Amino acid sequence: MLTTLSRYRSVNFNLQDNKGDTPLMQAIHGSRTAAIETLLALPQVYLQIQNHKGQTSLNLAKDTGRERIANMIQEAMSRRRG
């Protein structure tokens, strides 16, 4: 579904909720790896957005002990840098 939605330019995958969490952060909270993989593949998903606690998606994954997810984010960041 996210892949289908990503075809529409008006979809904002960086919207923040009342805690400042993005859809990627919400997926991290729920350990939803399929959603995380899909979001990380979308270039319009920004990885450096901070929530109200000052956490980026990578910080959130590390702070909550989700090392596999943290590795996925680091790999995505490396791919984006080229």
PDB file of N, CA and C in Angstrom:
ATOM      1  N   MET A   1       0.814  -1.194   0.000  1.00  0.00           N
ATOM      2  CA  MET A   1       0.000   0.000   0.000  1.00  0.00           C
ATOM      3  C   MET A   1       0.856   1.255   0.000  1.00  0.00           C
ATOM      4  N   LEU A   2       1.917   1.286   0.793  1.00  0.00           N
ATOM      5  CA  LEU A   2       2.791   2.457   0.800  1.00  0.00           C
ATOM      6  C   LEU A   2       3.418   2.691  -0.559  1.00  0.00           C
ATOM      7  N   THR A   3       3.766   1.607  -1.239  1.00  0.00           N
ATOM      8  CA  THR A   3       4.361   1.738  -2.566  1.00  0.00           C
ATOM      9  C   THR A   3       3.357   2.367  -3.520  1.00  0.00           C
ATOM     10  N   THR A   4       2.114   1.968  -3.439  1.00  0.00           N
ATOM     11  CA  THR A   4       1.080   2.565  -4.274  1.00  0.00           C
ATOM     12  C   THR A   4       0.908   4.041  -3.933  1.00  0.00           C
ATOM     13  N   LEU A   5       0.851   4.365  -2.667  1.00  0.00           N
ATOM     14  CA  LEU A   5       0.699   5.755  -2.247  1.00  0.00           C
ATOM     15  C   LEU A   5       1.872   6.621  -2.673  1.00  0.00           C
ATOM     16  N   SER A   6       3.051   6.050  -2.721  1.00  0.00           N
ATOM     17  CA  SER A   6       4.243   6.831  -3.059  1.00  0.00           C
ATOM     18  C   SER A   6       4.206   7.347  -4.494  1.00  0.00           C
ATOM     19  N   ARG A   7       3.342   6.793  -5.311  1.00  0.00           N
ATOM     20  CA  ARG A   7       3.218   7.259  -6.693  1.00  0.00           C
ATOM     21  C   ARG A   7       2.549   8.619  -6.773  1.00  0.00           C
ATOM     22  N   TYR A   8       1.852   8.997  -5.729  1.00  0.00           N
ATOM     23  CA  TYR A   8       1.162  10.280  -5.696  1.00  0.00           C
ATOM     24  C   TYR A   8       2.058  11.326  -5.052  1.00  0.00           C
ATOM     25  N   ARG A   9       2.343  12.356  -5.800  1.00  0.00           N
ATOM     26  CA  ARG A   9       3.271  13.388  -5.315  1.00  0.00           C
ATOM     27  C   ARG A   9       2.742  14.151  -4.102  1.00  0.00           C
ATOM     28  N   SER A  10       1.445  14.161  -3.911  1.00  0.00           N
ATOM     29  CA  SER A  10       0.875  14.938  -2.813  1.00  0.00           C
ATOM     30  C   SER A  10       0.930  14.218  -1.464  1.00  0.00           C
ATOM     31  N   VAL A  11       1.320  12.952  -1.458  1.00  0.00           N
ATOM     32  CA  VAL A  11       1.402  12.215  -0.195  1.00  0.00           C
ATOM     33  C   VAL A  11       2.655  12.658   0.552  1.00  0.00           C
ATOM     34  N   ASN A  12       2.472  13.067   1.796  1.00  0.00           N
ATOM     35  CA  ASN A  12       3.599  13.508   2.614  1.00  0.00           C
ATOM     36  C   ASN A  12       3.918  12.425   3.641  1.00  0.00           C
ATOM     37  N   PHE A  13       5.018  11.732   3.419  1.00  0.00           N
ATOM     38  CA  PHE A  13       5.431  10.657   4.323  1.00  0.00           C
ATOM     39  C   PHE A  13       6.235  11.182   5.500  1.00  0.00           C
ATOM     40  N   ASN A  14       6.316  12.493   5.644  1.00  0.00           N
ATOM     41  CA  ASN A  14       7.092  13.099   6.727  1.00  0.00           C
ATOM     42  C   ASN A  14       6.221  13.849   7.721  1.00  0.00           C
ATOM     43  N   LEU A  15       4.911  13.711   7.610  1.00  0.00           N
ATOM     44  CA  LEU A  15       4.011  14.372   8.555  1.00  0.00           C
ATOM     45  C   LEU A  15       4.293  13.862   9.967  1.00  0.00           C
ATOM     46  N   GLN A  16       4.220  14.769  10.920  1.00  0.00           N
ATOM     47  CA  GLN A  16       4.496  14.400  12.306  1.00  0.00           C
ATOM     48  C   GLN A  16       3.219  14.438  13.128  1.00  0.00           C
ATOM     49  N   ASP A  17       3.094  13.480  14.036  1.00  0.00           N
ATOM     50  CA  ASP A  17       1.938  13.438  14.920  1.00  0.00           C
ATOM     51  C   ASP A  17       2.147  14.378  16.107  1.00  0.00           C
ATOM     52  N   ASN A  18       1.285  14.296  17.102  1.00  0.00           N
ATOM     53  CA  ASN A  18       1.367  15.201  18.250  1.00  0.00           C
ATOM     54  C   ASN A  18       2.620  14.986  19.105  1.00  0.00           C
ATOM     55  N   LYS A  19       3.338  13.893  18.891  1.00  0.00           N
ATOM     56  CA  LYS A  19       4.599  13.642  19.595  1.00  0.00           C
ATOM     57  C   LYS A  19       5.796  13.981  18.703  1.00  0.00           C
ATOM     58  N   GLY A  20       5.490  14.378  17.472  1.00  0.00           N
ATOM     59  CA  GLY A  20       6.549  14.678  16.526  1.00  0.00           C
ATOM     60  C   GLY A  20       7.038  13.469  15.762  1.00  0.00           C
ATOM     61  N   ASP A  21       6.383  12.332  15.948  1.00  0.00           N
ATOM     62  CA  ASP A  21       6.795  11.111  15.258  1.00  0.00           C
ATOM     63  C   ASP A  21       6.272  11.090  13.823  1.00  0.00           C
ATOM     64  N   THR A  22       7.118  10.643  12.923  1.00  0.00           N
ATOM     65  CA  THR A  22       6.771  10.464  11.524  1.00  0.00           C
ATOM     66  C   THR A  22       6.217   9.050  11.322  1.00  0.00           C
ATOM     67  N   PRO A  23       5.676   8.745  10.149  1.00  0.00           N
ATOM     68  CA  PRO A  23       5.247   7.366   9.895  1.00  0.00           C
ATOM     69  C   PRO A  23       6.386   6.353  10.082  1.00  0.00           C
ATOM     70  N   LEU A  24       7.610   6.729   9.701  1.00  0.00           N
ATOM     71  CA  LEU A  24       8.749   5.835   9.911  1.00  0.00           C
ATOM     72  C   LEU A  24       8.954   5.573  11.401  1.00  0.00           C
ATOM     73  N   MET A  25       8.882   6.602  12.203  1.00  0.00           N
ATOM     74  CA  MET A  25       9.053   6.436  13.655  1.00  0.00           C
ATOM     75  C   MET A  25       7.938   5.578  14.242  1.00  0.00           C
ATOM     76  N   GLN A  26       6.723   5.777  13.754  1.00  0.00           N
ATOM     77  CA  GLN A  26       5.608   4.965  14.241  1.00  0.00           C
ATOM     78  C   GLN A  26       5.820   3.496  13.878  1.00  0.00           C
ATOM     79  N   ALA A  27       6.348   3.250  12.698  1.00  0.00           N
ATOM     80  CA  ALA A  27       6.646   1.871  12.294  1.00  0.00           C
ATOM     81  C   ALA A  27       7.744   1.275  13.175  1.00  0.00           C
ATOM     82  N   ILE A  28       8.707   2.091  13.559  1.00  0.00           N
ATOM     83  CA  ILE A  28       9.778   1.630  14.455  1.00  0.00           C
ATOM     84  C   ILE A  28       9.191   1.250  15.817  1.00  0.00           C
ATOM     85  N   HIS A  29       8.323   2.101  16.352  1.00  0.00           N
ATOM     86  CA  HIS A  29       7.676   1.790  17.644  1.00  0.00           C
ATOM     87  C   HIS A  29       6.993   0.432  17.598  1.00  0.00           C
ATOM     88  N   GLY A  30       6.388   0.086  16.470  1.00  0.00           N
ATOM     89  CA  GLY A  30       5.664  -1.174  16.345  1.00  0.00           C
ATOM     90  C   GLY A  30       6.494  -2.306  15.765  1.00  0.00           C
ATOM     91  N   SER A  31       7.787  -2.060  15.537  1.00  0.00           N
ATOM     92  CA  SER A  31       8.680  -3.059  14.934  1.00  0.00           C
ATOM     93  C   SER A  31       8.103  -3.630  13.640  1.00  0.00           C
ATOM     94  N   ARG A  32       7.523  -2.784  12.842  1.00  0.00           N
ATOM     95  CA  ARG A  32       6.897  -3.194  11.580  1.00  0.00           C
ATOM     96  C   ARG A  32       7.927  -3.132  10.463  1.00  0.00           C
ATOM     97  N   THR A  33       8.724  -4.182  10.370  1.00  0.00           N
ATOM     98  CA  THR A  33       9.867  -4.167   9.459  1.00  0.00           C
ATOM     99  C   THR A  33       9.475  -4.038   7.989  1.00  0.00           C
ATOM    100  N   ALA A  34       8.375  -4.616   7.567  1.00  0.00           N
ATOM    101  CA  ALA A  34       7.962  -4.493   6.162  1.00  0.00           C
ATOM    102  C   ALA A  34       7.650  -3.032   5.832  1.00  0.00           C
ATOM    103  N   ALA A  35       6.943  -2.363   6.722  1.00  0.00           N
ATOM    104  CA  ALA A  35       6.631  -0.942   6.512  1.00  0.00           C
ATOM    105  C   ALA A  35       7.906  -0.108   6.543  1.00  0.00           C
ATOM    106  N   ILE A  36       8.821  -0.441   7.454  1.00  0.00           N
ATOM    107  CA  ILE A  36      10.089   0.280   7.553  1.00  0.00           C
ATOM    108  C   ILE A  36      10.882   0.126   6.266  1.00  0.00           C
ATOM    109  N   GLU A  37      10.974  -1.096   5.757  1.00  0.00           N
ATOM    110  CA  GLU A  37      11.699  -1.333   4.502  1.00  0.00           C
ATOM    111  C   GLU A  37      11.105  -0.517   3.360  1.00  0.00           C
ATOM    112  N   THR A  38       9.785  -0.493   3.285  1.00  0.00           N
ATOM    113  CA  THR A  38       9.120   0.269   2.231  1.00  0.00           C
ATOM    114  C   THR A  38       9.395   1.754   2.371  1.00  0.00           C
ATOM    115  N   LEU A  39       9.259   2.278   3.583  1.00  0.00           N
ATOM    116  CA  LEU A  39       9.499   3.705   3.811  1.00  0.00           C
ATOM    117  C   LEU A  39      10.951   4.081   3.517  1.00  0.00           C
ATOM    118  N   LEU A  40      11.881   3.231   3.917  1.00  0.00           N
ATOM    119  CA  LEU A  40      13.296   3.534   3.675  1.00  0.00           C
ATOM    120  C   LEU A  40      13.643   3.532   2.189  1.00  0.00           C
ATOM    121  N   ALA A  41      12.863   2.837   1.397  1.00  0.00           N
ATOM    122  CA  ALA A  41      13.104   2.786  -0.052  1.00  0.00           C
ATOM    123  C   ALA A  41      12.578   4.026  -0.772  1.00  0.00           C
ATOM    124  N   LEU A  42      11.782   4.834  -0.083  1.00  0.00           N
ATOM    125  CA  LEU A  42      11.201   6.023  -0.704  1.00  0.00           C
ATOM    126  C   LEU A  42      12.118   7.226  -0.496  1.00  0.00           C
ATOM    127  N   PRO A  43      12.613   7.828  -1.569  1.00  0.00           N
ATOM    128  CA  PRO A  43      13.532   8.961  -1.414  1.00  0.00           C
ATOM    129  C   PRO A  43      12.891  10.179  -0.764  1.00  0.00           C
ATOM    130  N   GLN A  44      11.560  10.277  -0.802  1.00  0.00           N
ATOM    131  CA  GLN A  44      10.901  11.439  -0.200  1.00  0.00           C
ATOM    132  C   GLN A  44      10.733  11.315   1.321  1.00  0.00           C
ATOM    133  N   VAL A  45      11.151  10.196   1.890  1.00  0.00           N
ATOM    134  CA  VAL A  45      11.117  10.029   3.353  1.00  0.00           C
ATOM    135  C   VAL A  45      12.434  10.559   3.918  1.00  0.00           C
ATOM    136  N   TYR A  46      12.330  11.597   4.719  1.00  0.00           N
ATOM    137  CA  TYR A  46      13.519  12.207   5.328  1.00  0.00           C
ATOM    138  C   TYR A  46      13.898  11.464   6.598  1.00  0.00           C
ATOM    139  N   LEU A  47      15.161  11.140   6.723  1.00  0.00           N
ATOM    140  CA  LEU A  47      15.632  10.331   7.855  1.00  0.00           C
ATOM    141  C   LEU A  47      16.142  11.175   9.022  1.00  0.00           C
ATOM    142  N   GLN A  48      16.321  12.458   8.807  1.00  0.00           N
ATOM    143  CA  GLN A  48      16.907  13.299   9.855  1.00  0.00           C
ATOM    144  C   GLN A  48      15.877  14.111  10.641  1.00  0.00           C
ATOM    145  N   ILE A  49      14.597  13.900  10.396  1.00  0.00           N
ATOM    146  CA  ILE A  49      13.566  14.609  11.153  1.00  0.00           C
ATOM    147  C   ILE A  49      13.627  14.187  12.612  1.00  0.00           C
ATOM    148  N   GLN A  50      13.470  15.156  13.504  1.00  0.00           N
ATOM    149  CA  GLN A  50      13.486  14.867  14.945  1.00  0.00           C
ATOM    150  C   GLN A  50      12.077  14.978  15.513  1.00  0.00           C
ATOM    151  N   ASN A  51      11.767  14.077  16.441  1.00  0.00           N
ATOM    152  CA  ASN A  51      10.498  14.169  17.161  1.00  0.00           C
ATOM    153  C   ASN A  51      10.657  15.173  18.311  1.00  0.00           C
ATOM    154  N   HIS A  52       9.628  15.295  19.138  1.00  0.00           N
ATOM    155  CA  HIS A  52       9.670  16.274  20.230  1.00  0.00           C
ATOM    156  C   HIS A  52      10.694  15.935  21.311  1.00  0.00           C
ATOM    157  N   LYS A  53      11.189  14.711  21.320  1.00  0.00           N
ATOM    158  CA  LYS A  53      12.248  14.319  22.255  1.00  0.00           C
ATOM    159  C   LYS A  53      13.629  14.547  21.655  1.00  0.00           C
ATOM    160  N   GLY A  54      13.676  15.038  20.410  1.00  0.00           N
ATOM    161  CA  GLY A  54      14.947  15.275  19.745  1.00  0.00           C
ATOM    162  C   GLY A  54      15.537  14.047  19.083  1.00  0.00           C
ATOM    163  N   GLN A  55      14.740  12.993  18.943  1.00  0.00           N
ATOM    164  CA  GLN A  55      15.219  11.744  18.346  1.00  0.00           C
ATOM    165  C   GLN A  55      14.952  11.701  16.850  1.00  0.00           C
ATOM    166  N   THR A  56      15.949  11.284  16.097  1.00  0.00           N
ATOM    167  CA  THR A  56      15.728  10.935  14.704  1.00  0.00           C
ATOM    168  C   THR A  56      15.251   9.479  14.678  1.00  0.00           C
ATOM    169  N   SER A  57      14.910   8.995  13.503  1.00  0.00           N
ATOM    170  CA  SER A  57      14.498   7.595  13.392  1.00  0.00           C
ATOM    171  C   SER A  57      15.613   6.657  13.850  1.00  0.00           C
ATOM    172  N   LEU A  58      16.848   6.991  13.481  1.00  0.00           N
ATOM    173  CA  LEU A  58      17.981   6.161  13.897  1.00  0.00           C
ATOM    174  C   LEU A  58      18.145   6.184  15.413  1.00  0.00           C
ATOM    175  N   ASN A  59      18.052   7.369  16.014  1.00  0.00           N
ATOM    176  CA  ASN A  59      18.146   7.470  17.475  1.00  0.00           C
ATOM    177  C   ASN A  59      17.060   6.649  18.152  1.00  0.00           C
ATOM    178  N   LEU A  60      15.845   6.756  17.630  1.00  0.00           N
ATOM    179  CA  LEU A  60      14.713   6.030  18.207  1.00  0.00           C
ATOM    180  C   LEU A  60      14.953   4.524  18.165  1.00  0.00           C
ATOM    181  N   ALA A  61      15.402   4.033  17.022  1.00  0.00           N
ATOM    182  CA  ALA A  61      15.671   2.594  16.898  1.00  0.00           C
ATOM    183  C   ALA A  61      16.738   2.153  17.895  1.00  0.00           C
ATOM    184  N   LYS A  62      17.805   2.925  18.001  1.00  0.00           N
ATOM    185  CA  LYS A  62      18.879   2.572  18.938  1.00  0.00           C
ATOM    186  C   LYS A  62      18.415   2.682  20.387  1.00  0.00           C
ATOM    187  N   ASP A  63      17.705   3.769  20.703  1.00  0.00           N
ATOM    188  CA  ASP A  63      17.267   4.008  22.083  1.00  0.00           C
ATOM    189  C   ASP A  63      16.276   2.959  22.571  1.00  0.00           C
ATOM    190  N   THR A  64      15.567   2.316  21.644  1.00  0.00           N
ATOM    191  CA  THR A  64      14.578   1.307  22.033  1.00  0.00           C
ATOM    192  C   THR A  64      15.093  -0.110  21.816  1.00  0.00           C
ATOM    193  N   GLY A  65      16.388  -0.247  21.549  1.00  0.00           N
ATOM    194  CA  GLY A  65      17.004  -1.562  21.448  1.00  0.00           C
ATOM    195  C   GLY A  65      16.679  -2.322  20.175  1.00  0.00           C
ATOM    196  N   ARG A  66      16.273  -1.618  19.160  1.00  0.00           N
ATOM    197  CA  ARG A  66      15.941  -2.269  17.884  1.00  0.00           C
ATOM    198  C   ARG A  66      17.143  -2.168  16.942  1.00  0.00           C
ATOM    199  N   GLU A  67      18.149  -2.957  17.226  1.00  0.00           N
ATOM    200  CA  GLU A  67      19.418  -2.887  16.496  1.00  0.00           C
ATOM    201  C   GLU A  67      19.261  -3.255  15.021  1.00  0.00           C
ATOM    202  N   ARG A  68      18.446  -4.259  14.742  1.00  0.00           N
ATOM    203  CA  ARG A  68      18.243  -4.658  13.338  1.00  0.00           C
ATOM    204  C   ARG A  68      17.661  -3.492  12.539  1.00  0.00           C
ATOM    205  N   ILE A  69      16.692  -2.810  13.126  1.00  0.00           N
ATOM    206  CA  ILE A  69      16.080  -1.658  12.465  1.00  0.00           C
ATOM    207  C   ILE A  69      17.095  -0.525  12.344  1.00  0.00           C
ATOM    208  N   ALA A  70      17.892  -0.306  13.376  1.00  0.00           N
ATOM    209  CA  ALA A  70      18.935   0.723  13.321  1.00  0.00           C
ATOM    210  C   ALA A  70      19.892   0.429  12.166  1.00  0.00           C
ATOM    211  N   ASN A  71      20.246  -0.825  11.988  1.00  0.00           N
ATOM    212  CA  ASN A  71      21.124  -1.209  10.875  1.00  0.00           C
ATOM    213  C   ASN A  71      20.462  -0.944   9.530  1.00  0.00           C
ATOM    214  N   MET A  72      19.172  -1.213   9.437  1.00  0.00           N
ATOM    215  CA  MET A  72      18.440  -0.943   8.197  1.00  0.00           C
ATOM    216  C   MET A  72      18.485   0.555   7.862  1.00  0.00           C
ATOM    217  N   ILE A  73      18.310   1.389   8.873  1.00  0.00           N
ATOM    218  CA  ILE A  73      18.328   2.840   8.663  1.00  0.00           C
ATOM    219  C   ILE A  73      19.722   3.300   8.262  1.00  0.00           C
ATOM    220  N   GLN A  74      20.739   2.784   8.927  1.00  0.00           N
ATOM    221  CA  GLN A  74      22.115   3.160   8.583  1.00  0.00           C
ATOM    222  C   GLN A  74      22.451   2.748   7.152  1.00  0.00           C
ATOM    223  N   GLU A  75      21.998   1.585   6.729  1.00  0.00           N
ATOM    224  CA  GLU A  75      22.224   1.143   5.351  1.00  0.00           C
ATOM    225  C   GLU A  75      21.526   2.057   4.361  1.00  0.00           C
ATOM    226  N   ALA A  76      20.305   2.466   4.686  1.00  0.00           N
ATOM    227  CA  ALA A  76      19.559   3.379   3.814  1.00  0.00           C
ATOM    228  C   ALA A  76      20.268   4.725   3.725  1.00  0.00           C
ATOM    229  N   MET A  77      20.806   5.186   4.837  1.00  0.00           N
ATOM    230  CA  MET A  77      21.525   6.469   4.846  1.00  0.00           C
ATOM    231  C   MET A  77      22.775   6.364   3.965  1.00  0.00           C
ATOM    232  N   SER A  78      23.461   5.249   4.037  1.00  0.00           N
ATOM    233  CA  SER A  78      24.664   5.040   3.224  1.00  0.00           C
ATOM    234  C   SER A  78      24.322   5.003   1.740  1.00  0.00           C
ATOM    235  N   ARG A  79      23.229   4.322   1.405  1.00  0.00           N
ATOM    236  CA  ARG A  79      22.798   4.261  -0.005  1.00  0.00           C
ATOM    237  C   ARG A  79      22.468   5.648  -0.537  1.00  0.00           C
ATOM    238  N   ARG A  80      21.852   6.457   0.283  1.00  0.00           N
ATOM    239  CA  ARG A  80      21.435   7.797  -0.148  1.00  0.00           C
ATOM    240  C   ARG A  80      22.636   8.715  -0.349  1.00  0.00           C
ATOM    241  N   ARG A  81      23.686   8.501   0.421  1.00  0.00           N
ATOM    242  CA  ARG A  81      24.896   9.310   0.276  1.00  0.00           C
ATOM    243  C   ARG A  81      25.651   8.941  -0.992  1.00  0.00           C
ATOM    244  N   GLY A  82      25.417   7.730  -1.466  1.00  0.00           N
ATOM    245  CA  GLY A  82      26.061   7.273  -2.699  1.00  0.00           C
ATOM    246  C   GLY A  82      27.290   6.555  -2.413  1.00  0.00           C
TER     247      GLY A  82
END
